[in-house]
Amino acid sequence: MVALLGIVAAALTSLSYLPQARKALPRNSTEDISLAMLCVLLCGLCLWIIYGLMIGNWIVVLANGVGAALVALVLVCKMRDVLRVSA
């Protein structure tokens, strides 16, 4: 039961970034997203992945890996838009 609770919690928190990623895909759509927040969040998620690997917890690794991938996608879109504006 504990593992199931962890899986459901991990799925919900990891997939919560999906709507933001979908919103960020069109060009010039990331104006209201903080670059600093994305960088800090991605660093935190990467640290959670390392922690999960160190304690051997695949739920922590997988959940934060999915979250990190989605946040990284939003970060790439944000950088695309920032560089486009400054060029």
Protein backbone atom coordinates (compact mmCIF):
# COMPACT_ATOMS: atom_id res chain seq x y z
CA MET A 1 0.00 0.00 0.00
CA VAL A 2 2.88 2.38 0.76
CA ALA A 3 4.46 1.78 -2.65
CA LEU A 4 1.12 2.38 -4.38
CA LEU A 5 0.71 5.65 -2.50
CA GLY A 6 4.21 6.66 -3.62
CA ILE A 7 3.49 5.76 -7.24
CA VAL A 8 0.25 7.75 -7.33
CA ALA A 9 1.86 10.75 -5.64
CA ALA A 10 4.83 10.57 -8.00
CA ALA A 11 2.60 10.35 -11.07
CA LEU A 12 0.49 13.32 -10.00
CA THR A 13 3.42 15.58 -9.15
CA SER A 14 5.47 14.59 -12.18
CA LEU A 15 2.65 14.96 -14.65
CA SER A 16 1.61 18.30 -13.17
CA TYR A 17 4.27 19.90 -15.39
CA LEU A 18 2.62 18.54 -18.55
CA PRO A 19 0.12 21.41 -19.03
CA GLN A 20 2.94 23.95 -18.63
CA ALA A 21 5.05 22.08 -21.18
CA ARG A 22 2.16 22.03 -23.65
CA LYS A 23 1.60 25.75 -23.13
CA ALA A 24 5.29 26.56 -23.65
CA LEU A 25 5.69 24.77 -26.99
CA PRO A 26 4.30 27.50 -29.29
CA ARG A 27 6.84 30.26 -29.99
CA ASN A 28 6.74 33.38 -27.78
CA SER A 29 4.49 31.66 -25.25
CA THR A 30 6.78 31.66 -22.21
CA GLU A 31 6.73 35.35 -21.29
CA ASP A 32 4.93 34.73 -18.00
CA ILE A 33 7.26 31.90 -16.90
CA SER A 34 10.19 32.74 -14.63
CA LEU A 35 13.58 31.67 -15.97
CA ALA A 36 15.05 31.64 -12.46
CA MET A 37 12.22 29.44 -11.17
CA LEU A 38 12.76 26.93 -13.97
CA CYS A 39 16.51 26.78 -13.29
CA VAL A 40 16.06 26.33 -9.55
CA LEU A 41 13.30 23.75 -10.02
CA LEU A 42 15.39 21.75 -12.50
CA CYS A 43 18.37 21.76 -10.11
CA GLY A 44 16.13 20.58 -7.27
CA LEU A 45 14.65 17.79 -9.35
CA CYS A 46 18.14 16.65 -10.40
CA LEU A 47 19.18 16.56 -6.75
CA TRP A 48 16.10 14.43 -5.98
CA ILE A 49 17.15 12.04 -8.76
CA ILE A 50 20.63 11.74 -7.24
CA TYR A 51 19.10 11.20 -3.80
CA GLY A 52 16.78 8.52 -5.17
CA LEU A 53 19.71 6.75 -6.80
CA MET A 54 21.71 6.92 -3.58
CA ILE A 55 18.94 5.34 -1.52
CA GLY A 56 17.89 2.96 -4.30
CA ASN A 57 14.30 4.22 -4.56
CA TRP A 58 13.08 3.88 -8.15
CA ILE A 59 9.86 5.79 -7.46
CA VAL A 60 11.81 8.89 -6.44
CA VAL A 61 14.15 8.53 -9.44
CA LEU A 62 11.39 7.95 -11.98
CA ALA A 63 9.04 10.64 -10.68
CA ASN A 64 11.72 13.29 -10.57
CA GLY A 65 13.16 12.13 -13.89
CA VAL A 66 9.82 12.70 -15.60
CA GLY A 67 9.41 16.04 -13.86
CA ALA A 68 12.96 17.08 -14.78
CA ALA A 69 12.38 16.16 -18.43
CA LEU A 70 9.21 18.24 -18.60
CA VAL A 71 10.78 21.19 -16.78
CA ALA A 72 13.82 20.95 -19.08
CA LEU A 73 11.47 21.11 -22.09
CA VAL A 74 9.85 24.26 -20.70
CA LEU A 75 13.32 25.69 -19.99
CA VAL A 76 14.42 25.05 -23.57
CA CYS A 77 11.28 26.80 -24.83
CA LYS A 78 11.92 29.70 -22.46
CA MET A 79 15.51 30.04 -23.68
CA ARG A 80 14.30 29.88 -27.29
CA ASP A 81 11.93 32.77 -26.62
CA VAL A 82 14.45 34.81 -24.62
CA LEU A 83 17.12 34.45 -27.31
CA ARG A 84 14.62 35.30 -30.05
CA VAL A 85 13.66 38.55 -28.28
CA SER A 86 17.25 39.61 -27.61
CA ALA A 87 18.46 38.85 -31.16
